[in-house]
Amino acid sequence: MSPFSPVPFTAHRSGSLLGVAAIPGDKSISHRALILGALTVGETRISGLLEAEDVLQTAQAMRQFGAEISQTAPGDWQVWGRGVGGWRAPDAELDFGNSGTGARLAMGAMATTPISAVFTGDESLRRRPMKRVLEPLTKFGATYEARDGGLMPLTVYGTDRPICIDYEVTVASAQVKSALLLAALGAPGVTRITQEALTRDHTERMLQAFGAEVSIEPLDNGGERICVMGEVELWPARIAVPRDPSSAAFPLVAALIVPESEVSIPDVLLNPRRIGLIDTLLEMGADISIVNRRESGGEEIGDLIARHSQLHGVVVPPERAPSMIDEYPILAIAAANASGRTVMRGLEELRVKESDRLSAIANGLRACGIQVDELEDGMIIHGCAGEVPGNATIATHMDHRIAMSFLIAGLASRAPITADDSSMISTSFPEFETIMRSIGAKFS
């Protein structure tokens, strides 16, 4: 089969979902562990690495920059880095597949090193905006050549005379912020990055674990200023990757909408900037318990227990969007199964994800018989109180989260729901089908 051949997949109304869903490692932390390991002199050991296509593409890119990377056991990896400023120019294109995170962070990490690299990816990634990262990287002294709109394939030319910068990130994007923080490592002096919206902070936490000089100052407007000292030598570290809350969202919501279900999800990352979905579901009346809270590697983790619930619509605060930006597709499925209206605003960022996720969600819900009012920056979903008609084939637009979300919807809908393509699910959650079947999901 050609790698470009779609793989349709159908979810059927299921009986109760019961058992333990052992989710793989967090994708965001996995990318960052590989990249920071490659910027370190010495051996970094990583356990629990997500071995999905997106992350493996980042690992291969780090090899092309000169790092030595090997797997020692399932989930266990070693990285021998070349140090800040020590990367070599790749002798071939860097293919990041579907991974915007890997591509954008790698652009930042190389921007203050005097090498050049060509970045490309799959059809979806080549449509996604890169100028939002490329333009601020020029402030450090880097340059680039790209297709109109800053699209891939593109070439980044790192600078041999980097300068530190003061910069305000105007989009609520952890990827843009993280790219600048990584570029700052190679620039002499202190770089100051200001953001008004509090995006996920894994890069800051991990930089500190690797010995970087990082300070964070809260601002009166609710934002913060992050200061990074450049020209530092990072220390090797041991990184234990917690389980991914974005992947946990799928069995979590499935348990809430399928009658008589109870599912446990152990060791989930509970970083305060990643649990917006859990906060929202609790406001909707979800029966979710968080037990065995503990800390691992500077991050809070815990075990989730989710039980079938009678959900009701809510107004989701727009300022919560950065803490759950990847979870809106599956939240939309919960909202479709709730009673009343759920209002979601502040979601402009969803229009430049793997697909225009706002339109993809709205069109998919309408195909399933749900009334949706699509807004420029969000949507209003009119729930069916657990009676979603289904009987639809969903256009996934090569978007893994759209595919998985509507497959979860099919487990509780009156008639089956088909994703027109499931092949891209492996980019972030290759165990999705196996884990969901293990707790009772019916797929064909």
Protein backbone atom coordinates (compact mmCIF):
# COMPACT_ATOMS: atom_id res chain seq x y z
CA MET A 1 0.00 0.00 0.00
CA SER A 2 1.24 3.47 -0.83
CA PRO A 3 2.00 5.60 2.23
CA PHE A 4 -0.45 8.12 0.75
CA SER A 5 -3.36 5.66 0.52
CA PRO A 6 -6.15 6.55 2.97
CA VAL A 7 -7.11 3.96 5.56
CA PRO A 8 -10.80 4.38 6.49
CA PHE A 9 -11.70 3.25 10.01
CA THR A 10 -15.12 2.90 11.66
CA ALA A 11 -16.21 3.14 15.29
CA HIS A 12 -19.40 1.39 16.47
CA ARG A 13 -21.60 1.93 19.50
CA SER A 14 -19.87 0.04 22.29
CA GLY A 15 -20.82 -1.53 25.57
CA SER A 16 -19.27 -0.25 28.78
CA LEU A 17 -15.59 0.70 28.58
CA LEU A 18 -13.70 -0.79 31.52
CA GLY A 19 -10.07 -1.20 32.52
CA VAL A 20 -6.74 0.62 32.42
CA ALA A 21 -5.57 2.77 29.52
CA ALA A 22 -1.77 3.02 29.71
CA ILE A 23 -1.13 6.05 27.51
CA PRO A 24 2.32 6.56 25.88
CA GLY A 25 4.72 9.36 26.81
CA ASP A 26 4.02 13.03 26.32
CA LYS A 27 4.79 14.24 22.81
CA SER A 28 5.79 17.79 23.75
CA ILE A 29 8.27 16.64 26.38
CA SER A 30 9.64 13.88 24.11
CA HIS A 31 10.52 16.39 21.36
CA ARG A 32 12.19 18.73 23.83
CA ALA A 33 14.18 15.98 25.56
CA LEU A 34 15.74 14.92 22.23
CA ILE A 35 16.55 18.48 21.14
CA LEU A 36 18.01 19.59 24.47
CA GLY A 37 19.94 16.32 24.71
CA ALA A 38 21.46 17.13 21.31
CA LEU A 39 22.49 20.57 22.66
CA THR A 40 24.29 19.01 25.66
CA VAL A 41 27.87 17.79 25.89
CA GLY A 42 27.68 14.24 27.21
CA GLU A 43 25.01 11.56 27.59
CA THR A 44 21.35 12.30 28.22
CA ARG A 45 19.14 9.35 29.14
CA ILE A 46 15.43 9.44 28.37
CA SER A 47 12.84 6.96 29.63
CA GLY A 48 9.23 6.78 28.51
CA LEU A 49 9.93 8.52 25.17
CA LEU A 50 6.94 8.56 22.85
CA GLU A 51 7.97 6.35 19.92
CA ALA A 52 5.55 7.88 17.42
CA GLU A 53 6.41 9.07 13.92
CA ASP A 54 6.54 12.76 14.88
CA VAL A 55 9.09 12.15 17.63
CA LEU A 56 11.15 9.70 15.60
CA GLN A 57 11.41 12.34 12.85
CA THR A 58 12.86 14.75 15.43
CA ALA A 59 15.33 12.08 16.57
CA GLN A 60 16.49 11.59 12.99
CA ALA A 61 16.89 15.35 12.51
CA MET A 62 19.07 15.54 15.63
CA ARG A 63 21.25 12.76 14.18
CA GLN A 64 21.62 14.82 11.01
CA PHE A 65 22.80 17.74 13.16
CA GLY A 66 25.50 15.45 14.56
CA ALA A 67 24.04 13.98 17.77
CA GLU A 68 24.41 10.26 18.46
CA ILE A 69 21.00 8.83 19.36
CA SER A 70 20.12 5.20 20.07
CA GLN A 71 17.30 3.19 21.60
CA THR A 72 18.40 0.89 24.42
CA ALA A 73 14.96 -0.61 25.22
CA PRO A 74 11.33 0.22 24.41
CA GLY A 75 10.90 3.84 25.48
CA ASP A 76 14.51 4.14 26.69
CA TRP A 77 16.90 6.26 24.64
CA GLN A 78 20.42 7.68 24.88
CA VAL A 79 21.47 11.00 23.34
CA TRP A 80 25.12 12.08 23.00
CA GLY A 81 24.93 15.75 22.15
CA ARG A 82 27.36 18.17 20.50
CA GLY A 83 26.78 21.12 22.80
CA VAL A 84 25.30 24.58 22.26
CA GLY A 85 26.79 25.95 19.03
CA GLY A 86 28.31 22.57 18.16
CA TRP A 87 25.78 21.27 15.66
CA ARG A 88 27.04 20.50 12.15
CA ALA A 89 25.24 21.31 8.91
CA PRO A 90 23.06 18.40 7.74
CA ASP A 91 24.11 16.85 4.44
CA ALA A 92 20.48 16.26 3.38
CA GLU A 93 17.04 17.79 3.87
CA LEU A 94 15.49 17.53 7.34
CA ASP A 95 12.11 15.81 6.87
CA PHE A 96 9.88 16.44 9.90
CA GLY A 97 6.90 14.55 8.50
CA ASN A 98 3.82 15.98 10.24
CA SER A 99 5.64 17.52 13.20
CA GLY A 100 5.33 21.29 13.50
CA THR A 101 6.78 21.10 17.01
CA GLY A 102 9.96 19.30 15.96
CA ALA A 103 10.48 21.57 12.97
CA ARG A 104 9.92 24.89 14.71
CA LEU A 105 11.98 24.01 17.78
CA ALA A 106 14.86 22.75 15.63
CA MET A 107 14.82 26.00 13.65
CA GLY A 108 15.29 27.90 16.88
CA ALA A 109 17.97 25.58 18.22
CA MET A 110 20.15 26.02 15.09
CA ALA A 111 19.48 29.72 14.40
CA THR A 112 22.40 30.97 16.49
CA THR A 113 24.90 28.45 15.08
CA PRO A 114 26.70 29.28 11.77
CA ILE A 115 25.23 26.42 9.73
CA SER A 116 22.36 26.09 7.27
CA ALA A 117 19.67 23.46 6.95
CA VAL A 118 16.74 22.71 4.64
CA PHE A 119 13.44 21.96 6.40
CA THR A 120 10.56 20.07 4.82
CA GLY A 121 7.71 17.76 5.79
CA ASP A 122 4.58 16.04 4.59
CA GLU A 123 1.80 17.70 2.62
CA SER A 124 0.08 18.91 5.79
CA LEU A 125 3.23 20.42 7.32
CA ARG A 126 4.13 22.16 4.06
CA ARG A 127 0.86 24.10 4.34
CA ARG A 128 1.46 25.29 7.91
CA PRO A 129 2.78 28.81 8.70
CA MET A 130 6.46 29.03 9.61
CA LYS A 131 6.96 32.79 9.27
CA ARG A 132 5.70 33.22 12.85
CA VAL A 133 8.94 31.49 13.94
CA LEU A 134 11.26 32.57 11.14
CA GLU A 135 10.68 36.32 11.47
CA PRO A 136 11.57 36.59 15.19
CA LEU A 137 14.62 34.35 14.61
CA THR A 138 15.97 37.01 12.26
CA LYS A 139 16.24 39.31 15.30
CA PHE A 140 19.07 37.04 16.53
CA GLY A 141 20.79 37.43 13.14
CA ALA A 142 19.54 34.32 11.33
CA THR A 143 18.19 34.52 7.77
CA TYR A 144 15.97 32.26 5.70
CA GLU A 145 14.58 31.48 2.27
CA ALA A 146 11.07 30.05 1.99
CA ARG A 147 8.07 29.74 -0.30
CA ASP A 148 5.52 32.57 -0.27
CA GLY A 149 4.04 32.92 3.19
CA GLY A 150 7.07 31.35 4.85
CA LEU A 151 6.07 27.83 3.84
CA MET A 152 8.21 24.69 3.54
CA PRO A 153 10.44 23.60 1.95
CA LEU A 154 12.60 26.36 3.40
CA THR A 155 16.23 26.99 4.32
CA VAL A 156 17.41 28.51 7.58
CA TYR A 157 20.85 30.12 7.71
CA GLY A 158 22.17 30.34 11.25
CA THR A 159 24.24 33.36 12.19
CA ASP A 160 27.93 33.45 13.13
CA ARG A 161 27.36 36.68 15.07
CA PRO A 162 24.24 36.09 17.19
CA ILE A 163 22.87 38.83 19.40
CA CYS A 164 20.56 38.59 22.38
CA ILE A 165 17.11 40.11 21.99
CA ASP A 166 14.08 41.48 23.83
CA TYR A 167 10.97 40.15 22.11
CA GLU A 168 7.24 39.97 22.77
CA VAL A 169 5.51 36.86 21.42
CA THR A 170 2.21 38.09 20.00
CA VAL A 171 0.66 34.68 19.21
CA ALA A 172 -0.30 32.24 21.96
CA SER A 173 2.13 29.60 20.75
CA ALA A 174 4.45 27.53 22.92
CA GLN A 175 6.29 26.49 19.76
CA VAL A 176 7.22 30.06 18.83
CA LYS A 177 8.24 30.90 22.39
CA SER A 178 10.28 27.69 22.71
CA ALA A 179 12.09 28.26 19.42
CA LEU A 180 13.22 31.67 20.69
CA LEU A 181 14.31 30.28 24.06
CA LEU A 182 16.43 27.64 22.30
CA ALA A 183 17.95 30.23 19.97
CA ALA A 184 18.83 32.34 23.03
CA LEU A 185 21.19 29.60 24.26
CA GLY A 186 23.68 30.52 21.53
CA ALA A 187 23.46 34.32 21.85
CA PRO A 188 25.81 36.14 24.25
CA GLY A 189 24.04 38.01 27.04
CA VAL A 190 20.50 37.80 28.35
CA THR A 191 17.54 37.28 26.01
CA ARG A 192 14.15 38.35 27.32
CA ILE A 193 10.99 36.82 25.90
CA THR A 194 7.62 38.28 26.94
CA GLN A 195 4.26 36.58 26.46
CA GLU A 196 0.82 37.82 27.44
CA ALA A 197 -0.86 34.40 27.20
CA LEU A 198 0.62 31.69 29.43
CA THR A 199 1.48 28.85 27.06
CA ARG A 200 2.83 25.43 28.08
CA ASP A 201 6.13 25.79 29.92
CA HIS A 202 7.90 22.47 29.31
CA THR A 203 10.84 24.16 27.59
CA GLU A 204 11.52 26.46 30.55
CA ARG A 205 11.29 23.59 33.04
CA MET A 206 13.55 21.35 30.98
CA LEU A 207 16.10 24.08 30.31
CA GLN A 208 16.49 24.42 34.07
CA ALA A 209 16.88 20.64 34.42
CA PHE A 210 19.75 20.81 31.89
CA GLY A 211 21.45 23.60 33.84
CA ALA A 212 20.49 26.68 31.82
CA GLU A 213 20.15 30.01 33.61
CA VAL A 214 16.44 30.76 33.29
CA SER A 215 14.33 33.17 35.33
CA ILE A 216 10.61 33.90 35.02
CA GLU A 217 8.98 37.16 36.07
CA PRO A 218 5.16 37.49 36.34
CA LEU A 219 3.73 40.64 34.75
CA ASP A 220 0.84 42.79 35.89
CA ASN A 221 -1.19 41.95 32.77
CA GLY A 222 -1.19 38.24 33.66
CA GLY A 223 1.65 37.41 31.29
CA GLU A 224 5.29 36.77 32.07
CA ARG A 225 8.84 37.59 31.01
CA ILE A 226 11.33 34.74 30.58
CA CYS A 227 15.05 35.56 30.75
CA VAL A 228 17.69 33.19 29.40
CA MET A 229 21.46 33.60 29.69
CA GLY A 230 23.21 32.70 26.45
CA GLU A 231 26.50 30.95 25.69
CA VAL A 232 26.02 28.41 28.46
CA GLU A 233 27.09 24.77 28.64
CA LEU A 234 24.19 22.45 29.35
CA TRP A 235 24.57 19.49 31.70
CA PRO A 236 23.53 15.95 30.72
CA ALA A 237 20.26 14.98 32.39
CA ARG A 238 17.97 12.03 32.96
CA ILE A 239 14.47 12.70 31.70
CA ALA A 240 11.48 10.52 32.64
CA VAL A 241 8.71 11.41 30.20
CA PRO A 242 5.25 11.37 31.86
CA ARG A 243 2.20 10.11 29.98
CA ASP A 244 0.63 12.51 27.49
CA PRO A 245 -2.54 14.31 28.68
CA SER A 246 -3.44 15.11 25.06
CA SER A 247 -3.53 11.38 24.27
CA ALA A 248 -5.21 10.58 27.61
CA ALA A 249 -8.04 12.87 26.51
CA PHE A 250 -9.42 10.22 24.13
CA PRO A 251 -10.09 7.34 26.58
CA LEU A 252 -11.02 9.97 29.20
CA VAL A 253 -13.86 11.40 27.11
CA ALA A 254 -14.82 7.95 25.85
CA ALA A 255 -15.42 6.81 29.44
CA LEU A 256 -17.55 9.90 30.11
CA ILE A 257 -19.89 9.43 27.12
CA VAL A 258 -20.25 5.62 26.92
CA PRO A 259 -22.81 4.38 29.51
CA GLU A 260 -21.64 2.28 32.48
CA SER A 261 -17.96 2.95 31.77
CA GLU A 262 -15.07 3.35 34.22
CA VAL A 263 -11.51 3.77 32.94
CA SER A 264 -8.26 4.39 34.82
CA ILE A 265 -5.39 6.28 33.16
CA PRO A 266 -2.18 6.13 35.24
CA ASP A 267 0.84 8.46 35.42
CA VAL A 268 -0.63 11.36 33.43
CA LEU A 269 1.17 14.71 33.23
CA LEU A 270 -0.75 17.28 35.30
CA ASN A 271 1.22 20.40 34.43
CA PRO A 272 -1.15 23.31 35.27
CA ARG A 273 -0.77 24.62 31.71
CA ARG A 274 -1.86 21.29 30.19
CA ILE A 275 -5.02 20.41 32.15
CA GLY A 276 -7.51 22.89 30.71
CA LEU A 277 -9.54 19.99 29.29
CA ILE A 278 -9.84 18.32 32.71
CA ASP A 279 -10.90 21.62 34.29
CA THR A 280 -13.52 22.13 31.58
CA LEU A 281 -14.90 18.59 31.79
CA LEU A 282 -15.24 18.92 35.57
CA GLU A 283 -17.23 22.12 35.04
CA MET A 284 -19.46 20.14 32.63
CA GLY A 285 -20.24 17.66 35.41
CA ALA A 286 -17.71 14.96 34.56
CA ASP A 287 -17.01 12.29 37.17
CA ILE A 288 -13.21 12.42 37.09
CA SER A 289 -11.01 11.59 40.08
CA ILE A 290 -7.32 12.48 40.28
CA VAL A 291 -5.45 10.23 42.70
CA ASN A 292 -1.84 9.51 43.65
CA ARG A 293 -0.59 12.99 42.79
CA ARG A 294 3.20 13.18 42.85
CA GLU A 295 6.18 14.93 41.23
CA SER A 296 8.56 13.47 38.66
CA GLY A 297 11.34 15.38 36.91
CA GLY A 298 9.93 18.76 37.88
CA GLU A 299 6.45 17.93 36.58
CA GLU A 300 3.34 16.92 38.52
CA ILE A 301 1.75 13.61 37.54
CA GLY A 302 -1.21 11.63 38.80
CA ASP A 303 -3.71 8.87 38.00
CA LEU A 304 -7.07 9.70 36.40
CA ILE A 305 -10.26 7.71 36.94
CA ALA A 306 -13.17 8.61 34.65
CA ARG A 307 -16.75 7.32 34.89
CA HIS A 308 -19.79 7.75 32.66
CA SER A 309 -21.37 11.14 33.37
CA GLN A 310 -24.37 13.28 32.45
CA LEU A 311 -22.58 16.27 30.97
CA HIS A 312 -24.01 19.77 30.51
CA GLY A 313 -22.90 22.64 28.30
CA VAL A 314 -20.66 25.43 29.58
CA VAL A 315 -18.97 28.60 28.38
CA VAL A 316 -15.26 27.80 28.11
CA PRO A 317 -13.13 30.82 29.12
CA PRO A 318 -11.14 32.04 26.08
CA GLU A 319 -8.04 32.51 28.24
CA ARG A 320 -8.04 28.76 28.89
CA ALA A 321 -7.34 28.00 25.21
CA PRO A 322 -3.50 27.82 25.43
CA SER A 323 -3.74 25.12 28.13
CA MET A 324 -5.89 22.84 25.96
CA ILE A 325 -5.37 23.96 22.37
CA ASP A 326 -4.89 20.38 21.12
CA GLU A 327 -7.90 19.07 23.06
CA TYR A 328 -10.68 21.12 21.47
CA PRO A 329 -11.55 18.40 18.91
CA ILE A 330 -12.22 15.86 21.65
CA LEU A 331 -13.89 18.49 23.87
CA ALA A 332 -16.26 19.09 20.95
CA ILE A 333 -17.25 15.41 21.12
CA ALA A 334 -17.96 15.73 24.85
CA ALA A 335 -20.00 18.88 24.11
CA ALA A 336 -22.00 17.07 21.42
CA ASN A 337 -22.96 14.45 24.02
CA ALA A 338 -23.80 17.05 26.69
CA SER A 339 -27.15 18.72 27.28
CA GLY A 340 -27.39 22.39 26.31
CA ARG A 341 -24.95 24.71 24.55
CA THR A 342 -21.17 24.73 24.88
CA VAL A 343 -19.49 27.96 23.79
CA MET A 344 -15.80 27.96 22.80
CA ARG A 345 -14.00 31.20 21.87
CA GLY A 346 -10.41 32.38 21.46
CA LEU A 347 -9.52 29.54 19.07
CA GLU A 348 -7.92 31.37 16.14
CA GLU A 349 -4.85 29.14 16.57
CA LEU A 350 -6.92 26.10 15.53
CA ARG A 351 -7.16 27.46 12.00
CA VAL A 352 -3.41 26.89 11.43
CA LYS A 353 -3.00 23.42 12.97
CA GLU A 354 -2.63 20.21 10.92
CA SER A 355 -5.87 21.32 9.29
CA ASP A 356 -8.26 24.21 9.81
CA ARG A 357 -9.46 22.39 12.89
CA LEU A 358 -12.36 24.73 13.58
CA SER A 359 -13.96 24.03 10.22
CA ALA A 360 -13.05 20.33 10.37
CA ILE A 361 -14.72 19.96 13.79
CA ALA A 362 -17.80 21.93 12.81
CA ASN A 363 -18.29 20.08 9.52
CA GLY A 364 -17.74 16.71 11.19
CA LEU A 365 -20.28 17.42 13.92
CA ARG A 366 -22.86 18.59 11.38
CA ALA A 367 -22.34 15.38 9.41
CA CYS A 368 -23.12 13.48 12.62
CA GLY A 369 -26.39 15.39 13.13
CA ILE A 370 -25.19 18.01 15.62
CA GLN A 371 -26.12 21.70 15.31
CA VAL A 372 -23.00 23.90 15.32
CA ASP A 373 -22.62 27.65 14.98
CA GLU A 374 -19.14 28.26 13.60
CA LEU A 375 -17.55 31.55 14.65
CA GLU A 376 -14.39 33.20 13.34
CA ASP A 377 -12.61 32.41 16.63
CA GLY A 378 -14.60 29.45 17.91
CA MET A 379 -17.94 27.66 17.85
CA ILE A 380 -21.18 27.03 19.71
CA ILE A 381 -22.17 23.36 19.95
CA HIS A 382 -25.76 22.40 20.69
CA GLY A 383 -25.52 19.10 22.56
CA CYS A 384 -27.77 16.07 22.06
CA ALA A 385 -27.66 14.80 25.66
CA GLY A 386 -25.98 11.53 24.70
CA GLU A 387 -28.07 10.93 21.58
CA VAL A 388 -25.66 11.79 18.75
CA PRO A 389 -27.15 10.35 15.53
CA GLY A 390 -23.84 9.45 13.83
CA ASN A 391 -24.11 7.59 10.52
CA ALA A 392 -21.40 9.73 8.94
CA THR A 393 -18.02 9.61 7.22
CA ILE A 394 -15.74 12.35 8.53
CA ALA A 395 -13.26 14.25 6.35
CA THR A 396 -10.13 14.18 8.55
CA HIS A 397 -7.92 16.40 6.33
CA MET A 398 -4.79 14.41 7.35
CA ASP A 399 -5.37 15.51 10.97
CA HIS A 400 -4.74 12.82 13.59
CA ARG A 401 -6.76 14.55 16.33
CA ILE A 402 -9.81 14.96 14.09
CA ALA A 403 -9.64 11.26 13.21
CA MET A 404 -9.31 10.05 16.81
CA SER A 405 -11.94 12.43 18.16
CA PHE A 406 -14.66 11.32 15.78
CA LEU A 407 -13.77 7.66 16.31
CA ILE A 408 -14.39 8.26 20.02
CA ALA A 409 -17.72 9.87 19.09
CA GLY A 410 -18.69 6.71 17.22
CA LEU A 411 -18.39 4.62 20.39
CA ALA A 412 -21.45 6.41 21.83
CA SER A 413 -23.44 7.47 18.73
CA ARG A 414 -26.64 5.72 17.61
CA ALA A 415 -25.09 4.75 14.25
CA PRO A 416 -21.42 4.16 13.33
CA ILE A 417 -18.99 6.96 12.48
CA THR A 418 -16.17 6.47 9.98
CA ALA A 419 -12.94 8.46 9.72
CA ASP A 420 -12.08 8.70 6.02
CA ASP A 421 -8.41 8.13 6.89
CA SER A 422 -6.74 6.81 10.04
CA SER A 423 -3.21 6.38 8.68
CA MET A 424 -1.94 9.61 10.27
CA ILE A 425 -2.90 8.56 13.84
CA SER A 426 0.52 6.95 14.18
CA THR A 427 2.15 10.39 14.05
CA SER A 428 1.16 11.02 17.68
CA PHE A 429 -0.58 7.96 19.17
CA PRO A 430 0.35 4.68 17.45
CA GLU A 431 -1.20 2.64 20.29
CA PHE A 432 -4.61 4.33 19.95
CA GLU A 433 -6.48 1.37 18.45
CA THR A 434 -4.83 -1.23 20.70
CA ILE A 435 -5.46 0.71 23.91
CA MET A 436 -9.05 1.58 23.04
CA ARG A 437 -9.86 -2.02 22.04
CA SER A 438 -8.35 -3.23 25.33
CA ILE A 439 -10.99 -1.32 27.31
CA GLY A 440 -13.88 -2.45 25.07
CA ALA A 441 -14.03 -0.09 22.07
CA LYS A 442 -15.60 -1.54 18.92
CA PHE A 443 -13.79 -0.65 15.70
CA SER A 444 -13.76 -2.08 12.19
